[in-house]
Amino acid sequence: MMEIKVRTLTDEQVKNLDQIAKENKLSRERLLSKIISEYLDGKNFLAAHRTFFKEEVAKIIPTLEKNNQVMERALTFLEVEQAHGD
């Protein structure tokens, strides 16, 4: 395992961190490790899903374009019929 030092927290932030760790019955180090791990896991989760949805949308676009063409033709037909019927 690697070690990371955090040097940019204020005294107030460290106190808050200690309070949260105490409430969760964790050491400060364990709490920070858990926060960082959850952030990274969440980021990986979102990236994987972003790729999945991007691929799924790419599959759907041709169908949507075809549906739009069909709808445009149907509307044109209805407009012509309505114009002749009036």
PDB file of N, CA and C in Angstrom:
ATOM      1  N   MET A   1       0.830  -1.187   0.000  1.00  0.00           N
ATOM      2  CA  MET A   1       0.000   0.000   0.000  1.00  0.00           C
ATOM      3  C   MET A   1       0.866   1.239   0.000  1.00  0.00           C
ATOM      4  N   MET A   2       0.319   2.267  -0.572  1.00  0.00           N
ATOM      5  CA  MET A   2       1.048   3.530  -0.625  1.00  0.00           C
ATOM      6  C   MET A   2       0.532   4.458   0.455  1.00  0.00           C
ATOM      7  N   GLU A   3       1.326   5.422   0.772  1.00  0.00           N
ATOM      8  CA  GLU A   3       0.967   6.399   1.789  1.00  0.00           C
ATOM      9  C   GLU A   3       0.750   7.752   1.123  1.00  0.00           C
ATOM     10  N   ILE A   4      -0.266   8.460   1.580  1.00  0.00           N
ATOM     11  CA  ILE A   4      -0.580   9.782   1.041  1.00  0.00           C
ATOM     12  C   ILE A   4      -0.621  10.772   2.199  1.00  0.00           C
ATOM     13  N   LYS A   5      -0.023  11.930   2.015  1.00  0.00           N
ATOM     14  CA  LYS A   5      -0.085  12.983   3.032  1.00  0.00           C
ATOM     15  C   LYS A   5      -0.991  14.093   2.524  1.00  0.00           C
ATOM     16  N   VAL A   6      -1.854  14.569   3.404  1.00  0.00           N
ATOM     17  CA  VAL A   6      -2.745  15.674   3.063  1.00  0.00           C
ATOM     18  C   VAL A   6      -2.297  16.868   3.890  1.00  0.00           C
ATOM     19  N   ARG A   7      -1.931  17.948   3.221  1.00  0.00           N
ATOM     20  CA  ARG A   7      -1.357  19.094   3.934  1.00  0.00           C
ATOM     21  C   ARG A   7      -2.178  20.365   3.803  1.00  0.00           C
ATOM     22  N   THR A   8      -3.256  20.305   3.074  1.00  0.00           N
ATOM     23  CA  THR A   8      -3.956  21.555   2.770  1.00  0.00           C
ATOM     24  C   THR A   8      -5.250  21.759   3.543  1.00  0.00           C
ATOM     25  N   LEU A   9      -5.533  20.910   4.517  1.00  0.00           N
ATOM     26  CA  LEU A   9      -6.751  21.073   5.292  1.00  0.00           C
ATOM     27  C   LEU A   9      -6.537  22.092   6.408  1.00  0.00           C
ATOM     28  N   THR A  10      -7.574  22.836   6.688  1.00  0.00           N
ATOM     29  CA  THR A  10      -7.511  23.802   7.794  1.00  0.00           C
ATOM     30  C   THR A  10      -7.717  23.062   9.110  1.00  0.00           C
ATOM     31  N   ASP A  11      -7.424  23.737  10.207  1.00  0.00           N
ATOM     32  CA  ASP A  11      -7.648  23.140  11.522  1.00  0.00           C
ATOM     33  C   ASP A  11      -9.120  22.768  11.703  1.00  0.00           C
ATOM     34  N   GLU A  12     -10.007  23.626  11.252  1.00  0.00           N
ATOM     35  CA  GLU A  12     -11.444  23.382  11.361  1.00  0.00           C
ATOM     36  C   GLU A  12     -11.847  22.145  10.565  1.00  0.00           C
ATOM     37  N   GLN A  13     -11.297  21.995   9.364  1.00  0.00           N
ATOM     38  CA  GLN A  13     -11.609  20.832   8.537  1.00  0.00           C
ATOM     39  C   GLN A  13     -11.124  19.544   9.199  1.00  0.00           C
ATOM     40  N   VAL A  14      -9.961  19.588   9.815  1.00  0.00           N
ATOM     41  CA  VAL A  14      -9.431  18.405  10.494  1.00  0.00           C
ATOM     42  C   VAL A  14     -10.308  18.056  11.688  1.00  0.00           C
ATOM     43  N   LYS A  15     -10.762  19.075  12.431  1.00  0.00           N
ATOM     44  CA  LYS A  15     -11.672  18.830  13.554  1.00  0.00           C
ATOM     45  C   LYS A  15     -12.962  18.183  13.065  1.00  0.00           C
ATOM     46  N   ASN A  16     -13.508  18.688  11.973  1.00  0.00           N
ATOM     47  CA  ASN A  16     -14.721  18.100  11.399  1.00  0.00           C
ATOM     48  C   ASN A  16     -14.473  16.661  10.962  1.00  0.00           C
ATOM     49  N   LEU A  17     -13.352  16.443  10.357  1.00  0.00           N
ATOM     50  CA  LEU A  17     -12.978  15.097   9.922  1.00  0.00           C
ATOM     51  C   LEU A  17     -12.879  14.151  11.117  1.00  0.00           C
ATOM     52  N   ASP A  18     -12.234  14.609  12.168  1.00  0.00           N
ATOM     53  CA  ASP A  18     -12.115  13.800  13.374  1.00  0.00           C
ATOM     54  C   ASP A  18     -13.485  13.491  13.977  1.00  0.00           C
ATOM     55  N   GLN A  19     -14.371  14.476  13.953  1.00  0.00           N
ATOM     56  CA  GLN A  19     -15.721  14.283  14.498  1.00  0.00           C
ATOM     57  C   GLN A  19     -16.483  13.225  13.685  1.00  0.00           C
ATOM     58  N   ILE A  20     -16.395  13.322  12.370  1.00  0.00           N
ATOM     59  CA  ILE A  20     -17.072  12.347  11.496  1.00  0.00           C
ATOM     60  C   ILE A  20     -16.484  10.961  11.716  1.00  0.00           C
ATOM     61  N   ALA A  21     -15.162  10.882  11.826  1.00  0.00           N
ATOM     62  CA  ALA A  21     -14.507   9.587  12.064  1.00  0.00           C
ATOM     63  C   ALA A  21     -14.980   9.002  13.385  1.00  0.00           C
ATOM     64  N   LYS A  22     -15.047   9.834  14.416  1.00  0.00           N
ATOM     65  CA  LYS A  22     -15.494   9.367  15.726  1.00  0.00           C
ATOM     66  C   LYS A  22     -16.932   8.864  15.667  1.00  0.00           C
ATOM     67  N   GLU A  23     -17.807   9.613  14.989  1.00  0.00           N
ATOM     68  CA  GLU A  23     -19.213   9.223  14.866  1.00  0.00           C
ATOM     69  C   GLU A  23     -19.370   7.878  14.140  1.00  0.00           C
ATOM     70  N   ASN A  24     -18.447   7.602  13.233  1.00  0.00           N
ATOM     71  CA  ASN A  24     -18.497   6.361  12.465  1.00  0.00           C
ATOM     72  C   ASN A  24     -17.583   5.270  13.029  1.00  0.00           C
ATOM     73  N   LYS A  25     -17.012   5.559  14.185  1.00  0.00           N
ATOM     74  CA  LYS A  25     -16.119   4.612  14.874  1.00  0.00           C
ATOM     75  C   LYS A  25     -14.969   4.165  13.970  1.00  0.00           C
ATOM     76  N   LEU A  26     -14.373   5.155  13.310  1.00  0.00           N
ATOM     77  CA  LEU A  26     -13.237   4.914  12.425  1.00  0.00           C
ATOM     78  C   LEU A  26     -12.089   5.823  12.827  1.00  0.00           C
ATOM     79  N   SER A  27     -10.894   5.429  12.445  1.00  0.00           N
ATOM     80  CA  SER A  27      -9.761   6.340  12.608  1.00  0.00           C
ATOM     81  C   SER A  27      -9.839   7.377  11.492  1.00  0.00           C
ATOM     82  N   ARG A  28      -9.159   8.482  11.687  1.00  0.00           N
ATOM     83  CA  ARG A  28      -9.115   9.513  10.648  1.00  0.00           C
ATOM     84  C   ARG A  28      -8.562   8.929   9.361  1.00  0.00           C
ATOM     85  N   GLU A  29      -7.501   8.143   9.462  1.00  0.00           N
ATOM     86  CA  GLU A  29      -6.880   7.542   8.283  1.00  0.00           C
ATOM     87  C   GLU A  29      -7.855   6.617   7.551  1.00  0.00           C
ATOM     88  N   ARG A  30      -8.576   5.795   8.335  1.00  0.00           N
ATOM     89  CA  ARG A  30      -9.530   4.854   7.715  1.00  0.00           C
ATOM     90  C   ARG A  30     -10.673   5.607   7.050  1.00  0.00           C
ATOM     91  N   LEU A  31     -11.144   6.677   7.688  1.00  0.00           N
ATOM     92  CA  LEU A  31     -12.218   7.475   7.104  1.00  0.00           C
ATOM     93  C   LEU A  31     -11.772   8.096   5.780  1.00  0.00           C
ATOM     94  N   LEU A  32     -10.588   8.693   5.770  1.00  0.00           N
ATOM     95  CA  LEU A  32     -10.077   9.285   4.531  1.00  0.00           C
ATOM     96  C   LEU A  32      -9.898   8.241   3.446  1.00  0.00           C
ATOM     97  N   SER A  33      -9.389   7.087   3.816  1.00  0.00           N
ATOM     98  CA  SER A  33      -9.213   6.000   2.852  1.00  0.00           C
ATOM     99  C   SER A  33     -10.560   5.589   2.270  1.00  0.00           C
ATOM    100  N   LYS A  34     -11.570   5.487   3.141  1.00  0.00           N
ATOM    101  CA  LYS A  34     -12.910   5.101   2.694  1.00  0.00           C
ATOM    102  C   LYS A  34     -13.504   6.172   1.765  1.00  0.00           C
ATOM    103  N   ILE A  35     -13.355   7.433   2.116  1.00  0.00           N
ATOM    104  CA  ILE A  35     -13.873   8.532   1.288  1.00  0.00           C
ATOM    105  C   ILE A  35     -13.223   8.519  -0.089  1.00  0.00           C
ATOM    106  N   ILE A  36     -11.917   8.394  -0.118  1.00  0.00           N
ATOM    107  CA  ILE A  36     -11.193   8.392  -1.398  1.00  0.00           C
ATOM    108  C   ILE A  36     -11.573   7.174  -2.235  1.00  0.00           C
ATOM    109  N   SER A  37     -11.653   6.012  -1.607  1.00  0.00           N
ATOM    110  CA  SER A  37     -12.025   4.781  -2.333  1.00  0.00           C
ATOM    111  C   SER A  37     -13.419   4.893  -2.927  1.00  0.00           C
ATOM    112  N   GLU A  38     -14.376   5.389  -2.131  1.00  0.00           N
ATOM    113  CA  GLU A  38     -15.747   5.529  -2.624  1.00  0.00           C
ATOM    114  C   GLU A  38     -15.805   6.531  -3.779  1.00  0.00           C
ATOM    115  N   TYR A  39     -15.037   7.600  -3.682  1.00  0.00           N
ATOM    116  CA  TYR A  39     -14.996   8.591  -4.765  1.00  0.00           C
ATOM    117  C   TYR A  39     -14.458   7.955  -6.044  1.00  0.00           C
ATOM    118  N   LEU A  40     -13.357   7.229  -5.926  1.00  0.00           N
ATOM    119  CA  LEU A  40     -12.753   6.612  -7.110  1.00  0.00           C
ATOM    120  C   LEU A  40     -13.635   5.519  -7.683  1.00  0.00           C
ATOM    121  N   ASP A  41     -14.241   4.710  -6.815  1.00  0.00           N
ATOM    122  CA  ASP A  41     -15.149   3.665  -7.296  1.00  0.00           C
ATOM    123  C   ASP A  41     -16.347   4.292  -7.996  1.00  0.00           C
ATOM    124  N   GLY A  42     -16.880   5.369  -7.439  1.00  0.00           N
ATOM    125  CA  GLY A  42     -18.005   6.070  -8.055  1.00  0.00           C
ATOM    126  C   GLY A  42     -17.634   6.660  -9.397  1.00  0.00           C
ATOM    127  N   LYS A  43     -16.438   7.203  -9.479  1.00  0.00           N
ATOM    128  CA  LYS A  43     -15.974   7.793 -10.736  1.00  0.00           C
ATOM    129  C   LYS A  43     -15.840   6.708 -11.807  1.00  0.00           C
ATOM    130  N   ASN A  44     -15.299   5.556 -11.435  1.00  0.00           N
ATOM    131  CA  ASN A  44     -15.171   4.433 -12.382  1.00  0.00           C
ATOM    132  C   ASN A  44     -16.544   3.924 -12.793  1.00  0.00           C
ATOM    133  N   PHE A  45     -17.460   3.870 -11.837  1.00  0.00           N
ATOM    134  CA  PHE A  45     -18.829   3.424 -12.101  1.00  0.00           C
ATOM    135  C   PHE A  45     -19.488   4.356 -13.113  1.00  0.00           C
ATOM    136  N   LEU A  46     -19.348   5.661 -12.887  1.00  0.00           N
ATOM    137  CA  LEU A  46     -19.955   6.634 -13.804  1.00  0.00           C
ATOM    138  C   LEU A  46     -19.323   6.577 -15.189  1.00  0.00           C
ATOM    139  N   ALA A  47     -18.023   6.408 -15.239  1.00  0.00           N
ATOM    140  CA  ALA A  47     -17.339   6.330 -16.536  1.00  0.00           C
ATOM    141  C   ALA A  47     -17.807   5.111 -17.320  1.00  0.00           C
ATOM    142  N   ALA A  48     -17.958   3.989 -16.652  1.00  0.00           N
ATOM    143  CA  ALA A  48     -18.416   2.770 -17.324  1.00  0.00           C
ATOM    144  C   ALA A  48     -19.838   2.953 -17.843  1.00  0.00           C
ATOM    145  N   HIS A  49     -20.691   3.567 -17.045  1.00  0.00           N
ATOM    146  CA  HIS A  49     -22.069   3.770 -17.466  1.00  0.00           C
ATOM    147  C   HIS A  49     -22.180   4.828 -18.558  1.00  0.00           C
ATOM    148  N   ARG A  50     -21.317   5.825 -18.503  1.00  0.00           N
ATOM    149  CA  ARG A  50     -21.306   6.852 -19.546  1.00  0.00           C
ATOM    150  C   ARG A  50     -20.997   6.209 -20.892  1.00  0.00           C
ATOM    151  N   THR A  51     -20.020   5.300 -20.910  1.00  0.00           N
ATOM    152  CA  THR A  51     -19.659   4.591 -22.142  1.00  0.00           C
ATOM    153  C   THR A  51     -20.816   3.722 -22.607  1.00  0.00           C
ATOM    154  N   PHE A  52     -21.454   3.018 -21.686  1.00  0.00           N
ATOM    155  CA  PHE A  52     -22.582   2.158 -22.019  1.00  0.00           C
ATOM    156  C   PHE A  52     -23.707   2.971 -22.663  1.00  0.00           C
ATOM    157  N   PHE A  53     -24.093   4.083 -22.020  1.00  0.00           N
ATOM    158  CA  PHE A  53     -25.188   4.880 -22.548  1.00  0.00           C
ATOM    159  C   PHE A  53     -24.827   5.536 -23.872  1.00  0.00           C
ATOM    160  N   LYS A  54     -23.584   5.929 -24.021  1.00  0.00           N
ATOM    161  CA  LYS A  54     -23.139   6.520 -25.286  1.00  0.00           C
ATOM    162  C   LYS A  54     -23.288   5.509 -26.417  1.00  0.00           C
ATOM    163  N   GLU A  55     -22.911   4.261 -26.157  1.00  0.00           N
ATOM    164  CA  GLU A  55     -23.033   3.211 -27.166  1.00  0.00           C
ATOM    165  C   GLU A  55     -24.493   2.895 -27.453  1.00  0.00           C
ATOM    166  N   GLU A  56     -25.324   2.865 -26.414  1.00  0.00           N
ATOM    167  CA  GLU A  56     -26.751   2.573 -26.601  1.00  0.00           C
ATOM    168  C   GLU A  56     -27.439   3.680 -27.394  1.00  0.00           C
ATOM    169  N   VAL A  57     -27.107   4.913 -27.109  1.00  0.00           N
ATOM    170  CA  VAL A  57     -27.689   6.036 -27.855  1.00  0.00           C
ATOM    171  C   VAL A  57     -27.267   5.964 -29.316  1.00  0.00           C
ATOM    172  N   ALA A  58     -26.009   5.612 -29.548  1.00  0.00           N
ATOM    173  CA  ALA A  58     -25.528   5.486 -30.933  1.00  0.00           C
ATOM    174  C   ALA A  58     -26.319   4.420 -31.696  1.00  0.00           C
ATOM    175  N   LYS A  59     -26.749   3.356 -31.005  1.00  0.00           N
ATOM    176  CA  LYS A  59     -27.545   2.313 -31.660  1.00  0.00           C
ATOM    177  C   LYS A  59     -28.958   2.807 -31.972  1.00  0.00           C
ATOM    178  N   ILE A  60     -29.495   3.658 -31.127  1.00  0.00           N
ATOM    179  CA  ILE A  60     -30.883   4.111 -31.249  1.00  0.00           C
ATOM    180  C   ILE A  60     -31.050   5.225 -32.284  1.00  0.00           C
ATOM    181  N   ILE A  61     -30.030   6.027 -32.488  1.00  0.00           N
ATOM    182  CA  ILE A  61     -30.129   7.193 -33.389  1.00  0.00           C
ATOM    183  C   ILE A  61     -30.645   6.834 -34.781  1.00  0.00           C
ATOM    184  N   PRO A  62     -30.134   5.796 -35.452  1.00  0.00           N
ATOM    185  CA  PRO A  62     -30.660   5.479 -36.789  1.00  0.00           C
ATOM    186  C   PRO A  62     -32.165   5.176 -36.770  1.00  0.00           C
ATOM    187  N   THR A  63     -32.635   4.484 -35.741  1.00  0.00           N
ATOM    188  CA  THR A  63     -34.061   4.184 -35.641  1.00  0.00           C
ATOM    189  C   THR A  63     -34.864   5.456 -35.446  1.00  0.00           C
ATOM    190  N   LEU A  64     -34.369   6.344 -34.607  1.00  0.00           N
ATOM    191  CA  LEU A  64     -35.061   7.619 -34.392  1.00  0.00           C
ATOM    192  C   LEU A  64     -35.115   8.446 -35.680  1.00  0.00           C
ATOM    193  N   GLU A  65     -34.023   8.451 -36.418  1.00  0.00           N
ATOM    194  CA  GLU A  65     -34.001   9.195 -37.684  1.00  0.00           C
ATOM    195  C   GLU A  65     -35.021   8.611 -38.667  1.00  0.00           C
ATOM    196  N   LYS A  66     -35.096   7.288 -38.741  1.00  0.00           N
ATOM    197  CA  LYS A  66     -36.063   6.641 -39.629  1.00  0.00           C
ATOM    198  C   LYS A  66     -37.492   6.967 -39.187  1.00  0.00           C
ATOM    199  N   ASN A  67     -37.742   6.906 -37.884  1.00  0.00           N
ATOM    200  CA  ASN A  67     -39.065   7.249 -37.360  1.00  0.00           C
ATOM    201  C   ASN A  67     -39.439   8.692 -37.696  1.00  0.00           C
ATOM    202  N   ASN A  68     -38.484   9.593 -37.601  1.00  0.00           N
ATOM    203  CA  ASN A  68     -38.739  10.996 -37.944  1.00  0.00           C
ATOM    204  C   ASN A  68     -39.105  11.140 -39.422  1.00  0.00           C
ATOM    205  N   GLN A  69     -38.425  10.404 -40.280  1.00  0.00           N
ATOM    206  CA  GLN A  69     -38.735  10.456 -41.710  1.00  0.00           C
ATOM    207  C   GLN A  69     -40.145   9.942 -41.973  1.00  0.00           C
ATOM    208  N   VAL A  70     -40.515   8.849 -41.329  1.00  0.00           N
ATOM    209  CA  VAL A  70     -41.851   8.288 -41.493  1.00  0.00           C
ATOM    210  C   VAL A  70     -42.897   9.289 -41.013  1.00  0.00           C
ATOM    211  N   MET A  71     -42.646   9.912 -39.863  1.00  0.00           N
ATOM    212  CA  MET A  71     -43.587  10.898 -39.324  1.00  0.00           C
ATOM    213  C   MET A  71     -43.717  12.099 -40.263  1.00  0.00           C
ATOM    214  N   GLU A  72     -42.620  12.554 -40.829  1.00  0.00           N
ATOM    215  CA  GLU A  72     -42.666  13.683 -41.770  1.00  0.00           C
ATOM    216  C   GLU A  72     -43.498  13.325 -43.003  1.00  0.00           C
ATOM    217  N   ARG A  73     -43.301  12.113 -43.533  1.00  0.00           N
ATOM    218  CA  ARG A  73     -44.090  11.679 -44.688  1.00  0.00           C
ATOM    219  C   ARG A  73     -45.575  11.577 -44.331  1.00  0.00           C
ATOM    220  N   ALA A  74     -45.870  11.055 -43.158  1.00  0.00           N
ATOM    221  CA  ALA A  74     -47.263  10.930 -42.723  1.00  0.00           C
ATOM    222  C   ALA A  74     -47.902  12.303 -42.572  1.00  0.00           C
ATOM    223  N   LEU A  75     -47.176  13.246 -41.988  1.00  0.00           N
ATOM    224  CA  LEU A  75     -47.709  14.603 -41.838  1.00  0.00           C
ATOM    225  C   LEU A  75     -47.931  15.267 -43.190  1.00  0.00           C
ATOM    226  N   THR A  76     -46.993  15.068 -44.100  1.00  0.00           N
ATOM    227  CA  THR A  76     -47.147  15.632 -45.448  1.00  0.00           C
ATOM    228  C   THR A  76     -48.382  15.040 -46.115  1.00  0.00           C
ATOM    229  N   PHE A  77     -48.550  13.736 -46.009  1.00  0.00           N
ATOM    230  CA  PHE A  77     -49.716  13.064 -46.585  1.00  0.00           C
ATOM    231  C   PHE A  77     -51.001  13.617 -45.982  1.00  0.00           C
ATOM    232  N   LEU A  78     -51.036  13.760 -44.664  1.00  0.00           N
ATOM    233  CA  LEU A  78     -52.230  14.291 -43.997  1.00  0.00           C
ATOM    234  C   LEU A  78     -52.522  15.727 -44.411  1.00  0.00           C
ATOM    235  N   GLU A  79     -51.482  16.536 -44.578  1.00  0.00           N
ATOM    236  CA  GLU A  79     -51.669  17.919 -45.010  1.00  0.00           C
ATOM    237  C   GLU A  79     -52.242  17.973 -46.423  1.00  0.00           C
ATOM    238  N   VAL A  80     -51.735  17.108 -47.311  1.00  0.00           N
ATOM    239  CA  VAL A  80     -52.246  17.055 -48.684  1.00  0.00           C
ATOM    240  C   VAL A  80     -53.699  16.615 -48.673  1.00  0.00           C
ATOM    241  N   GLU A  81     -54.009  15.584 -47.911  1.00  0.00           N
ATOM    242  CA  GLU A  81     -55.389  15.092 -47.807  1.00  0.00           C
ATOM    243  C   GLU A  81     -56.316  16.153 -47.236  1.00  0.00           C
ATOM    244  N   GLN A  82     -55.821  16.858 -46.245  1.00  0.00           N
ATOM    245  CA  GLN A  82     -56.646  17.898 -45.623  1.00  0.00           C
ATOM    246  C   GLN A  82     -56.880  19.056 -46.606  1.00  0.00           C
ATOM    247  N   ALA A  83     -55.870  19.402 -47.369  1.00  0.00           N
ATOM    248  CA  ALA A  83     -56.001  20.485 -48.349  1.00  0.00           C
ATOM    249  C   ALA A  83     -56.991  20.112 -49.444  1.00  0.00           C
ATOM    250  N   HIS A  84     -57.001  18.867 -49.869  1.00  0.00           N
ATOM    251  CA  HIS A  84     -57.926  18.415 -50.889  1.00  0.00           C
ATOM    252  C   HIS A  84     -59.345  18.220 -50.359  1.00  0.00           C
ATOM    253  N   GLY A  85     -59.420  17.944 -49.063  1.00  0.00           N
ATOM    254  CA  GLY A  85     -60.717  17.700 -48.448  1.00  0.00           C
ATOM    255  C   GLY A  85     -61.471  18.972 -48.104  1.00  0.00           C
ATOM    256  N   ASP A  86     -60.796  20.115 -48.030  1.00  0.00           N
ATOM    257  CA  ASP A  86     -61.456  21.380 -47.644  1.00  0.00           C
ATOM    258  C   ASP A  86     -62.146  22.024 -48.770  1.00  0.00           C
TER     259      ASP A  86
END
